[in-house]
Amino acid sequence: MRRCIMALFVTLWIAGCSDPDWQTKDISGLMPSLAFELIDENGSTVSADQFLGKTTLLFFGFTHCPDVCPTTLSRLDAATQRMDETARDEIQVLFVSVDPRRDDAETLDSYTDAFGPRFIGLTGDKAALDKLTRRYRVTYGYGEEDSDGNYDVSHSSAVFAFNAQGEARLLIRDSDPMEAVVADLERLASGA
């Protein structure tokens, strides 16, 4: 009886000391670590290793996106603005354009500048983009061109969050409440 009570006590104590659950989707251990080789908004080849040391948010889109991309990036900016300065400085957002035909380095630089200094534009050739999107089970596709050469690009609206070591931790969806996003980003930026 004493052993049962002691085992119950230890179990309750451990449960009470464990980290609270994430408020957004916990993908720890379900997705691979951050890895890529792409072209940044300065036209330089970069790898994921260059972004280690900070919490990294990874989002796929394109600069001609009429709604999902500007809404998602604005939402991430709003979330980081609610964080204290120390936590905010530990966040970087990688915006990976899956439309390299229209999104060259200059276009990406201009686009990400509108959201702030923690937003970094990246792209690559089709092989590099396919490798990265397959890694995170993300799809994208191109619509038919209109008479002016314009076309739409379908893509995911989810944001992948990685800790400072590049380990996948969270999937942030547009349906997640702002308070949950802010709380999880603060926790992630603090080293969780």
N, C-alpha and C. Protein backbone atom coordinates (compact mmCIF):
# COMPACT_ATOMS: atom_id res chain seq x y z
N MET A 1 0.83 -1.19 0.00
CA MET A 1 0.00 0.00 0.00
C MET A 1 0.87 1.25 0.00
N ARG A 2 1.90 1.21 0.85
CA ARG A 2 2.81 2.36 0.96
C ARG A 2 3.50 2.61 -0.38
N ARG A 3 3.90 1.52 -1.09
CA ARG A 3 4.55 1.66 -2.39
C ARG A 3 3.60 2.28 -3.40
N CYS A 4 2.34 1.89 -3.37
CA CYS A 4 1.35 2.43 -4.30
C CYS A 4 1.15 3.92 -4.06
N ILE A 5 1.06 4.31 -2.81
CA ILE A 5 0.89 5.73 -2.47
C ILE A 5 2.12 6.51 -2.89
N MET A 6 3.32 5.95 -2.64
CA MET A 6 4.55 6.62 -3.01
C MET A 6 4.64 6.75 -4.54
N ALA A 7 4.29 5.70 -5.28
CA ALA A 7 4.31 5.74 -6.76
C ALA A 7 3.33 6.78 -7.28
N LEU A 8 2.14 6.85 -6.68
CA LEU A 8 1.15 7.85 -7.06
C LEU A 8 1.68 9.25 -6.78
N PHE A 9 2.29 9.45 -5.64
CA PHE A 9 2.86 10.74 -5.27
C PHE A 9 3.93 11.17 -6.27
N VAL A 10 4.84 10.26 -6.61
CA VAL A 10 5.92 10.56 -7.57
C VAL A 10 5.34 10.90 -8.93
N THR A 11 4.35 10.12 -9.38
CA THR A 11 3.71 10.38 -10.66
C THR A 11 3.07 11.76 -10.69
N LEU A 12 2.32 12.11 -9.65
CA LEU A 12 1.68 13.42 -9.58
C LEU A 12 2.72 14.55 -9.50
N TRP A 13 3.79 14.31 -8.78
CA TRP A 13 4.84 15.32 -8.65
C TRP A 13 5.51 15.57 -10.00
N ILE A 14 5.83 14.48 -10.73
CA ILE A 14 6.46 14.62 -12.04
C ILE A 14 5.51 15.32 -13.00
N ALA A 15 4.25 14.95 -12.97
CA ALA A 15 3.27 15.59 -13.85
C ALA A 15 3.15 17.07 -13.53
N GLY A 16 3.22 17.42 -12.29
CA GLY A 16 3.13 18.81 -11.89
C GLY A 16 4.35 19.61 -12.27
N CYS A 17 5.49 18.95 -12.42
CA CYS A 17 6.73 19.64 -12.77
C CYS A 17 6.98 19.69 -14.26
N SER A 18 6.22 18.95 -15.04
CA SER A 18 6.47 18.93 -16.47
C SER A 18 5.98 20.22 -17.11
N ASP A 19 6.51 20.51 -18.29
CA ASP A 19 6.12 21.72 -19.01
C ASP A 19 4.65 21.67 -19.38
N PRO A 20 3.98 22.81 -19.35
CA PRO A 20 2.60 22.84 -19.81
C PRO A 20 2.56 22.57 -21.32
N ASP A 21 1.44 22.13 -21.79
CA ASP A 21 1.29 21.85 -23.21
C ASP A 21 1.41 23.13 -24.03
N TRP A 22 1.86 22.96 -25.26
CA TRP A 22 1.88 24.09 -26.20
C TRP A 22 0.44 24.45 -26.54
N GLN A 23 0.20 25.69 -26.87
CA GLN A 23 -1.15 26.13 -27.22
C GLN A 23 -1.42 26.02 -28.72
N THR A 24 -0.34 26.01 -29.53
CA THR A 24 -0.49 25.74 -30.95
C THR A 24 -0.13 24.27 -31.16
N LYS A 25 -0.04 23.80 -32.38
CA LYS A 25 0.17 22.37 -32.66
C LYS A 25 1.63 21.96 -32.41
N ASP A 26 1.82 21.06 -31.46
CA ASP A 26 3.14 20.53 -31.13
C ASP A 26 3.53 19.49 -32.17
N ILE A 27 4.63 19.75 -32.89
CA ILE A 27 5.10 18.79 -33.90
C ILE A 27 6.49 18.26 -33.53
N SER A 28 6.87 18.41 -32.28
CA SER A 28 8.17 17.92 -31.82
C SER A 28 8.29 16.43 -32.14
N GLY A 29 9.39 16.06 -32.80
CA GLY A 29 9.63 14.67 -33.13
C GLY A 29 8.85 14.17 -34.34
N LEU A 30 7.95 14.97 -34.87
CA LEU A 30 7.15 14.55 -36.02
C LEU A 30 7.69 15.06 -37.35
N MET A 31 8.45 16.14 -37.30
CA MET A 31 8.99 16.75 -38.51
C MET A 31 10.50 16.85 -38.37
N PRO A 32 11.20 16.85 -39.51
CA PRO A 32 12.66 16.92 -39.46
C PRO A 32 13.16 18.32 -39.07
N SER A 33 14.42 18.36 -38.70
CA SER A 33 15.04 19.63 -38.32
C SER A 33 15.17 20.53 -39.55
N LEU A 34 15.47 21.79 -39.29
CA LEU A 34 15.60 22.78 -40.35
C LEU A 34 16.81 22.46 -41.22
N ALA A 35 16.60 22.32 -42.51
CA ALA A 35 17.69 22.03 -43.44
C ALA A 35 17.31 22.52 -44.83
N PHE A 36 18.18 23.30 -45.45
CA PHE A 36 17.96 23.76 -46.82
C PHE A 36 19.22 24.45 -47.33
N GLU A 37 19.26 24.64 -48.63
CA GLU A 37 20.22 25.52 -49.28
C GLU A 37 19.43 26.30 -50.31
N LEU A 38 19.31 27.61 -50.10
CA LEU A 38 18.49 28.47 -50.94
C LEU A 38 19.25 29.76 -51.26
N ILE A 39 18.57 30.65 -51.96
CA ILE A 39 19.11 31.97 -52.28
C ILE A 39 18.36 32.99 -51.43
N ASP A 40 19.11 33.87 -50.75
CA ASP A 40 18.44 34.87 -49.91
C ASP A 40 18.11 36.13 -50.70
N GLU A 41 17.49 37.08 -50.03
CA GLU A 41 17.04 38.31 -50.66
C GLU A 41 18.18 39.22 -51.09
N ASN A 42 19.42 38.85 -50.76
CA ASN A 42 20.60 39.59 -51.23
C ASN A 42 21.25 38.89 -52.42
N GLY A 43 20.68 37.76 -52.85
CA GLY A 43 21.22 37.01 -53.97
C GLY A 43 22.31 36.04 -53.58
N SER A 44 22.51 35.83 -52.28
CA SER A 44 23.55 34.92 -51.79
C SER A 44 22.98 33.55 -51.49
N THR A 45 23.80 32.53 -51.71
CA THR A 45 23.41 31.17 -51.32
C THR A 45 23.56 31.05 -49.82
N VAL A 46 22.51 30.55 -49.17
CA VAL A 46 22.51 30.38 -47.71
C VAL A 46 22.03 28.99 -47.36
N SER A 47 22.43 28.53 -46.19
CA SER A 47 21.96 27.23 -45.69
C SER A 47 21.26 27.44 -44.36
N ALA A 48 20.53 26.45 -43.95
CA ALA A 48 19.79 26.53 -42.68
C ALA A 48 20.72 26.76 -41.50
N ASP A 49 21.93 26.22 -41.56
CA ASP A 49 22.88 26.39 -40.46
C ASP A 49 23.14 27.85 -40.12
N GLN A 50 23.04 28.73 -41.12
CA GLN A 50 23.29 30.15 -40.90
C GLN A 50 22.19 30.82 -40.08
N PHE A 51 21.08 30.13 -39.90
CA PHE A 51 19.96 30.70 -39.15
C PHE A 51 19.78 30.08 -37.77
N LEU A 52 20.66 29.17 -37.41
CA LEU A 52 20.59 28.57 -36.07
C LEU A 52 20.95 29.62 -35.03
N GLY A 53 20.49 29.41 -33.81
CA GLY A 53 20.77 30.34 -32.73
C GLY A 53 19.59 31.21 -32.37
N LYS A 54 18.58 31.24 -33.21
CA LYS A 54 17.35 31.98 -32.95
C LYS A 54 16.15 31.08 -33.24
N THR A 55 15.02 31.42 -32.67
CA THR A 55 13.78 30.76 -33.03
C THR A 55 13.47 31.14 -34.47
N THR A 56 13.18 30.15 -35.29
CA THR A 56 12.95 30.39 -36.72
C THR A 56 11.54 29.98 -37.09
N LEU A 57 10.85 30.90 -37.75
CA LEU A 57 9.52 30.62 -38.29
C LEU A 57 9.66 30.49 -39.80
N LEU A 58 9.16 29.40 -40.36
CA LEU A 58 9.30 29.10 -41.78
C LEU A 58 7.92 29.12 -42.42
N PHE A 59 7.78 29.96 -43.46
CA PHE A 59 6.49 30.09 -44.13
C PHE A 59 6.72 30.08 -45.64
N PHE A 60 5.91 29.32 -46.37
CA PHE A 60 6.01 29.22 -47.83
C PHE A 60 4.93 30.09 -48.47
N GLY A 61 5.29 30.85 -49.49
CA GLY A 61 4.32 31.69 -50.17
C GLY A 61 4.90 32.31 -51.42
N PHE A 62 4.37 33.49 -51.80
CA PHE A 62 4.88 34.22 -52.96
C PHE A 62 4.46 35.68 -52.83
N THR A 63 5.24 36.58 -53.42
CA THR A 63 5.02 38.01 -53.19
C THR A 63 3.78 38.55 -53.90
N HIS A 64 3.29 37.89 -54.91
CA HIS A 64 2.09 38.34 -55.61
C HIS A 64 0.83 37.79 -54.97
N CYS A 65 0.95 37.14 -53.86
CA CYS A 65 -0.18 36.54 -53.14
C CYS A 65 -1.14 37.66 -52.70
N PRO A 66 -2.41 37.54 -53.04
CA PRO A 66 -3.34 38.62 -52.71
C PRO A 66 -3.85 38.62 -51.27
N ASP A 67 -3.73 37.50 -50.56
CA ASP A 67 -4.36 37.46 -49.25
C ASP A 67 -3.61 36.65 -48.20
N VAL A 68 -3.37 35.38 -48.42
CA VAL A 68 -2.80 34.51 -47.38
C VAL A 68 -1.43 35.00 -46.91
N CYS A 69 -0.55 35.30 -47.85
CA CYS A 69 0.82 35.70 -47.45
C CYS A 69 0.86 37.01 -46.68
N PRO A 70 0.28 38.09 -47.21
CA PRO A 70 0.36 39.33 -46.42
C PRO A 70 -0.37 39.23 -45.09
N THR A 71 -1.46 38.47 -45.06
CA THR A 71 -2.19 38.30 -43.80
C THR A 71 -1.37 37.52 -42.79
N THR A 72 -0.76 36.42 -43.24
CA THR A 72 0.05 35.59 -42.33
C THR A 72 1.27 36.35 -41.83
N LEU A 73 1.99 37.02 -42.73
CA LEU A 73 3.19 37.76 -42.31
C LEU A 73 2.83 38.93 -41.40
N SER A 74 1.73 39.61 -41.68
CA SER A 74 1.28 40.70 -40.80
C SER A 74 0.91 40.15 -39.42
N ARG A 75 0.30 39.00 -39.40
CA ARG A 75 -0.08 38.36 -38.14
C ARG A 75 1.15 37.99 -37.33
N LEU A 76 2.17 37.45 -38.00
CA LEU A 76 3.42 37.12 -37.30
C LEU A 76 4.09 38.39 -36.77
N ASP A 77 4.06 39.45 -37.56
CA ASP A 77 4.62 40.71 -37.10
C ASP A 77 3.85 41.21 -35.87
N ALA A 78 2.52 41.14 -35.92
CA ALA A 78 1.71 41.59 -34.78
C ALA A 78 2.00 40.75 -33.54
N ALA A 79 2.18 39.45 -33.73
CA ALA A 79 2.48 38.57 -32.59
C ALA A 79 3.82 38.93 -31.97
N THR A 80 4.83 39.15 -32.81
CA THR A 80 6.15 39.49 -32.26
C THR A 80 6.14 40.87 -31.61
N GLN A 81 5.32 41.78 -32.10
CA GLN A 81 5.24 43.12 -31.50
C GLN A 81 4.65 43.07 -30.09
N ARG A 82 3.88 42.04 -29.80
CA ARG A 82 3.30 41.89 -28.46
C ARG A 82 4.30 41.30 -27.46
N MET A 83 5.41 40.79 -27.96
CA MET A 83 6.41 40.15 -27.10
C MET A 83 7.35 41.22 -26.53
N ASP A 84 7.99 40.90 -25.40
CA ASP A 84 8.97 41.85 -24.90
C ASP A 84 10.17 41.87 -25.85
N GLU A 85 10.95 42.93 -25.78
CA GLU A 85 12.03 43.15 -26.74
C GLU A 85 13.05 42.01 -26.76
N THR A 86 13.38 41.47 -25.61
CA THR A 86 14.36 40.38 -25.55
C THR A 86 13.86 39.16 -26.31
N ALA A 87 12.61 38.77 -26.10
CA ALA A 87 12.04 37.62 -26.80
C ALA A 87 11.90 37.93 -28.29
N ARG A 88 11.45 39.13 -28.62
CA ARG A 88 11.27 39.53 -30.02
C ARG A 88 12.58 39.44 -30.79
N ASP A 89 13.69 39.81 -30.14
CA ASP A 89 15.00 39.77 -30.80
C ASP A 89 15.47 38.34 -31.07
N GLU A 90 14.82 37.35 -30.47
CA GLU A 90 15.19 35.95 -30.67
C GLU A 90 14.37 35.27 -31.77
N ILE A 91 13.55 36.05 -32.49
CA ILE A 91 12.67 35.50 -33.53
C ILE A 91 13.14 35.97 -34.91
N GLN A 92 13.16 35.05 -35.85
CA GLN A 92 13.39 35.40 -37.26
C GLN A 92 12.37 34.65 -38.09
N VAL A 93 11.90 35.29 -39.15
CA VAL A 93 10.88 34.70 -40.02
C VAL A 93 11.49 34.50 -41.40
N LEU A 94 11.51 33.26 -41.86
CA LEU A 94 12.00 32.95 -43.20
C LEU A 94 10.81 32.77 -44.12
N PHE A 95 10.68 33.68 -45.07
CA PHE A 95 9.60 33.64 -46.06
C PHE A 95 10.18 33.01 -47.32
N VAL A 96 9.80 31.77 -47.60
CA VAL A 96 10.32 31.04 -48.76
C VAL A 96 9.34 31.18 -49.92
N SER A 97 9.75 31.90 -50.95
CA SER A 97 8.90 32.04 -52.12
C SER A 97 8.98 30.79 -52.98
N VAL A 98 7.82 30.26 -53.31
CA VAL A 98 7.74 29.11 -54.21
C VAL A 98 7.42 29.58 -55.64
N ASP A 99 7.70 30.86 -55.89
CA ASP A 99 7.47 31.47 -57.21
C ASP A 99 8.76 32.17 -57.66
N PRO A 100 9.84 31.41 -57.88
CA PRO A 100 11.12 32.04 -58.21
C PRO A 100 11.11 32.78 -59.55
N ARG A 101 10.17 32.45 -60.41
CA ARG A 101 10.09 33.14 -61.71
C ARG A 101 9.83 34.64 -61.53
N ARG A 102 8.97 34.99 -60.59
CA ARG A 102 8.66 36.41 -60.35
C ARG A 102 9.37 36.97 -59.13
N ASP A 103 9.77 36.11 -58.20
CA ASP A 103 10.33 36.59 -56.93
C ASP A 103 11.85 36.47 -56.91
N ASP A 104 12.49 37.45 -57.54
CA ASP A 104 13.95 37.50 -57.50
C ASP A 104 14.38 38.15 -56.19
N ALA A 105 15.68 38.26 -55.98
CA ALA A 105 16.21 38.78 -54.72
C ALA A 105 15.68 40.19 -54.42
N GLU A 106 15.68 41.06 -55.40
CA GLU A 106 15.23 42.44 -55.19
C GLU A 106 13.75 42.49 -54.79
N THR A 107 12.93 41.69 -55.45
CA THR A 107 11.50 41.65 -55.14
C THR A 107 11.28 41.12 -53.73
N LEU A 108 12.00 40.06 -53.37
CA LEU A 108 11.87 39.50 -52.03
C LEU A 108 12.31 40.50 -50.97
N ASP A 109 13.40 41.19 -51.21
CA ASP A 109 13.92 42.17 -50.25
C ASP A 109 12.89 43.27 -50.00
N SER A 110 12.33 43.79 -51.08
CA SER A 110 11.32 44.85 -50.96
C SER A 110 10.09 44.34 -50.21
N TYR A 111 9.67 43.13 -50.51
CA TYR A 111 8.47 42.56 -49.90
C TYR A 111 8.67 42.33 -48.40
N THR A 112 9.76 41.68 -48.01
CA THR A 112 9.97 41.38 -46.60
C THR A 112 10.26 42.63 -45.78
N ASP A 113 10.86 43.65 -46.41
CA ASP A 113 11.11 44.91 -45.70
C ASP A 113 9.82 45.54 -45.18
N ALA A 114 8.72 45.31 -45.88
CA ALA A 114 7.44 45.87 -45.46
C ALA A 114 6.97 45.30 -44.13
N PHE A 115 7.50 44.14 -43.74
CA PHE A 115 7.07 43.50 -42.49
C PHE A 115 8.07 43.68 -41.36
N GLY A 116 9.26 44.14 -41.65
CA GLY A 116 10.22 44.41 -40.59
C GLY A 116 11.53 43.66 -40.76
N PRO A 117 12.50 44.00 -39.94
CA PRO A 117 13.86 43.46 -40.08
C PRO A 117 14.00 41.98 -39.74
N ARG A 118 13.07 41.41 -39.03
CA ARG A 118 13.21 39.99 -38.69
C ARG A 118 12.68 39.07 -39.79
N PHE A 119 12.16 39.66 -40.88
CA PHE A 119 11.62 38.89 -42.01
C PHE A 119 12.68 38.81 -43.11
N ILE A 120 12.97 37.59 -43.55
CA ILE A 120 14.03 37.33 -44.52
C ILE A 120 13.45 36.53 -45.67
N GLY A 121 13.63 37.03 -46.88
CA GLY A 121 13.13 36.35 -48.07
C GLY A 121 14.12 35.34 -48.60
N LEU A 122 13.62 34.18 -49.00
CA LEU A 122 14.43 33.11 -49.58
C LEU A 122 13.70 32.51 -50.76
N THR A 123 14.44 31.97 -51.70
CA THR A 123 13.86 31.20 -52.79
C THR A 123 14.94 30.29 -53.36
N GLY A 124 14.62 29.62 -54.43
CA GLY A 124 15.58 28.72 -55.06
C GLY A 124 15.02 28.20 -56.35
N ASP A 125 15.77 27.36 -57.01
CA ASP A 125 15.24 26.75 -58.23
C ASP A 125 14.22 25.68 -57.85
N LYS A 126 13.55 25.15 -58.85
CA LYS A 126 12.48 24.18 -58.59
C LYS A 126 12.98 22.97 -57.80
N ALA A 127 14.17 22.49 -58.11
CA ALA A 127 14.71 21.32 -57.40
C ALA A 127 14.90 21.62 -55.92
N ALA A 128 15.45 22.78 -55.60
CA ALA A 128 15.68 23.16 -54.20
C ALA A 128 14.35 23.35 -53.47
N LEU A 129 13.39 23.99 -54.14
CA LEU A 129 12.07 24.22 -53.52
C LEU A 129 11.33 22.90 -53.32
N ASP A 130 11.40 22.01 -54.31
CA ASP A 130 10.73 20.71 -54.18
C ASP A 130 11.34 19.90 -53.05
N LYS A 131 12.65 19.93 -52.92
CA LYS A 131 13.32 19.20 -51.85
C LYS A 131 12.86 19.71 -50.48
N LEU A 132 12.80 21.04 -50.34
CA LEU A 132 12.39 21.64 -49.06
C LEU A 132 10.92 21.40 -48.76
N THR A 133 10.06 21.57 -49.75
CA THR A 133 8.62 21.39 -49.50
C THR A 133 8.29 19.93 -49.21
N ARG A 134 8.97 19.01 -49.89
CA ARG A 134 8.76 17.59 -49.58
C ARG A 134 9.21 17.28 -48.15
N ARG A 135 10.29 17.90 -47.72
CA ARG A 135 10.82 17.68 -46.37
C ARG A 135 9.76 17.98 -45.31
N TYR A 136 8.98 19.04 -45.55
CA TYR A 136 7.96 19.44 -44.56
C TYR A 136 6.54 19.12 -45.02
N ARG A 137 6.43 18.26 -46.02
CA ARG A 137 5.13 17.77 -46.51
C ARG A 137 4.19 18.91 -46.91
N VAL A 138 4.76 19.87 -47.59
CA VAL A 138 4.01 21.03 -48.06
C VAL A 138 3.89 20.94 -49.58
N THR A 139 2.74 21.30 -50.10
CA THR A 139 2.56 21.30 -51.56
C THR A 139 2.37 22.73 -52.05
N TYR A 140 2.68 22.91 -53.32
CA TYR A 140 2.41 24.18 -53.99
C TYR A 140 2.18 23.87 -55.46
N GLY A 141 1.51 24.76 -56.14
CA GLY A 141 1.24 24.56 -57.57
C GLY A 141 0.90 25.89 -58.23
N TYR A 142 1.05 25.91 -59.55
CA TYR A 142 0.83 27.13 -60.31
C TYR A 142 -0.47 27.05 -61.09
N GLY A 143 -1.23 28.15 -61.07
CA GLY A 143 -2.46 28.24 -61.85
C GLY A 143 -2.15 28.61 -63.30
N GLU A 144 -3.19 28.65 -64.09
CA GLU A 144 -3.04 29.01 -65.50
C GLU A 144 -2.74 30.50 -65.63
N GLU A 145 -1.89 30.83 -66.58
CA GLU A 145 -1.58 32.25 -66.84
C GLU A 145 -2.75 32.91 -67.55
N ASP A 146 -3.00 34.16 -67.17
CA ASP A 146 -4.01 34.93 -67.90
C ASP A 146 -3.34 35.61 -69.09
N SER A 147 -4.09 36.43 -69.82
CA SER A 147 -3.57 37.07 -71.04
C SER A 147 -2.42 38.03 -70.75
N ASP A 148 -2.31 38.49 -69.50
CA ASP A 148 -1.22 39.38 -69.11
C ASP A 148 -0.03 38.64 -68.50
N GLY A 149 -0.10 37.33 -68.47
CA GLY A 149 1.00 36.54 -67.91
C GLY A 149 0.93 36.36 -66.41
N ASN A 150 -0.16 36.81 -65.78
CA ASN A 150 -0.32 36.65 -64.34
C ASN A 150 -0.87 35.26 -64.02
N TYR A 151 -0.51 34.74 -62.89
CA TYR A 151 -0.99 33.44 -62.46
C TYR A 151 -0.99 33.40 -60.93
N ASP A 152 -1.78 32.50 -60.40
CA ASP A 152 -1.86 32.32 -58.95
C ASP A 152 -0.99 31.12 -58.57
N VAL A 153 -0.59 31.10 -57.31
CA VAL A 153 0.20 29.98 -56.79
C VAL A 153 -0.52 29.46 -55.56
N SER A 154 -0.85 28.18 -55.56
CA SER A 154 -1.47 27.59 -54.37
C SER A 154 -0.35 27.15 -53.43
N HIS A 155 -0.59 27.33 -52.14
CA HIS A 155 0.43 26.97 -51.15
C HIS A 155 -0.22 26.85 -49.78
N SER A 156 0.51 26.31 -48.84
CA SER A 156 0.03 26.14 -47.46
C SER A 156 -0.01 27.48 -46.74
N SER A 157 -0.86 27.56 -45.74
CA SER A 157 -0.90 28.77 -44.91
C SER A 157 -0.27 28.54 -43.54
N ALA A 158 0.22 27.34 -43.30
CA ALA A 158 0.81 27.01 -41.99
C ALA A 158 2.22 27.57 -41.85
N VAL A 159 2.60 27.85 -40.61
CA VAL A 159 3.94 28.34 -40.28
C VAL A 159 4.60 27.29 -39.40
N PHE A 160 5.80 26.88 -39.80
CA PHE A 160 6.57 25.94 -39.00
C PHE A 160 7.49 26.73 -38.07
N ALA A 161 7.53 26.35 -36.80
CA ALA A 161 8.38 27.02 -35.83
C ALA A 161 9.46 26.05 -35.35
N PHE A 162 10.70 26.51 -35.38
CA PHE A 162 11.86 25.72 -34.98
C PHE A 162 12.55 26.40 -33.81
N ASN A 163 13.10 25.62 -32.91
CA ASN A 163 13.84 26.21 -31.80
C ASN A 163 15.21 26.67 -32.29
N ALA A 164 16.01 27.23 -31.41
CA ALA A 164 17.31 27.80 -31.78
C ALA A 164 18.28 26.75 -32.31
N GLN A 165 18.04 25.49 -32.01
CA GLN A 165 18.89 24.41 -32.51
C GLN A 165 18.38 23.87 -33.87
N GLY A 166 17.30 24.44 -34.37
CA GLY A 166 16.75 24.02 -35.65
C GLY A 166 15.83 22.83 -35.59
N GLU A 167 15.38 22.48 -34.39
CA GLU A 167 14.45 21.35 -34.23
C GLU A 167 13.02 21.84 -34.42
N ALA A 168 12.24 21.10 -35.21
CA ALA A 168 10.84 21.46 -35.43
C ALA A 168 10.07 21.31 -34.12
N ARG A 169 9.34 22.35 -33.74
CA ARG A 169 8.60 22.31 -32.48
C ARG A 169 7.11 22.54 -32.65
N LEU A 170 6.72 23.50 -33.51
CA LEU A 170 5.31 23.89 -33.58
C LEU A 170 4.85 24.09 -35.02
N LEU A 171 3.56 23.91 -35.22
CA LEU A 171 2.89 24.28 -36.46
C LEU A 171 1.85 25.32 -36.06
N ILE A 172 2.01 26.51 -36.58
CA ILE A 172 1.10 27.61 -36.26
C ILE A 172 0.14 27.77 -37.43
N ARG A 173 -1.15 27.68 -37.14
CA ARG A 173 -2.18 27.78 -38.17
C ARG A 173 -2.90 29.12 -38.05
N ASP A 174 -3.53 29.53 -39.14
CA ASP A 174 -4.24 30.81 -39.10
C ASP A 174 -5.45 30.79 -38.17
N SER A 175 -5.88 29.61 -37.77
CA SER A 175 -7.00 29.49 -36.83
C SER A 175 -6.55 29.58 -35.36
N ASP A 176 -5.25 29.56 -35.11
CA ASP A 176 -4.76 29.67 -33.73
C ASP A 176 -4.99 31.08 -33.19
N PRO A 177 -5.54 31.21 -31.98
CA PRO A 177 -5.75 32.54 -31.41
C PRO A 177 -4.42 33.28 -31.23
N MET A 178 -4.46 34.58 -31.42
CA MET A 178 -3.25 35.41 -31.31
C MET A 178 -2.56 35.20 -29.96
N GLU A 179 -3.34 35.11 -28.88
CA GLU A 179 -2.75 34.94 -27.54
C GLU A 179 -1.96 33.64 -27.46
N ALA A 180 -2.45 32.59 -28.11
CA ALA A 180 -1.75 31.31 -28.12
C ALA A 180 -0.45 31.40 -28.90
N VAL A 181 -0.49 32.09 -30.03
CA VAL A 181 0.71 32.25 -30.85
C VAL A 181 1.77 33.03 -30.08
N VAL A 182 1.37 34.13 -29.47
CA VAL A 182 2.31 34.95 -28.70
C VAL A 182 2.91 34.15 -27.55
N ALA A 183 2.07 33.46 -26.80
CA ALA A 183 2.55 32.68 -25.65
C ALA A 183 3.55 31.60 -26.09
N ASP A 184 3.24 30.90 -27.17
CA ASP A 184 4.13 29.84 -27.63
C ASP A 184 5.43 30.40 -28.19
N LEU A 185 5.36 31.52 -28.91
CA LEU A 185 6.59 32.11 -29.43
C LEU A 185 7.48 32.63 -28.31
N GLU A 186 6.88 33.22 -27.29
CA GLU A 186 7.67 33.67 -26.13
C GLU A 186 8.35 32.49 -25.45
N ARG A 187 7.61 31.41 -25.30
CA ARG A 187 8.15 30.22 -24.67
C ARG A 187 9.28 29.62 -25.51
N LEU A 188 9.06 29.55 -26.80
CA LEU A 188 10.08 29.01 -27.71
C LEU A 188 11.33 29.89 -27.72
N ALA A 189 11.13 31.21 -27.75
CA ALA A 189 12.26 32.14 -27.75
C ALA A 189 13.05 32.10 -26.46
N SER A 190 12.40 31.66 -25.38
CA SER A 190 13.10 31.59 -24.09
C SER A 190 13.92 30.29 -23.95
N GLY A 191 13.86 29.44 -24.98
CA GLY A 191 14.68 28.23 -24.96
C GLY A 191 13.93 26.94 -24.76
N ALA A 192 12.60 26.97 -24.75
CA ALA A 192 11.83 25.73 -24.56
C ALA A 192 11.92 24.84 -25.76
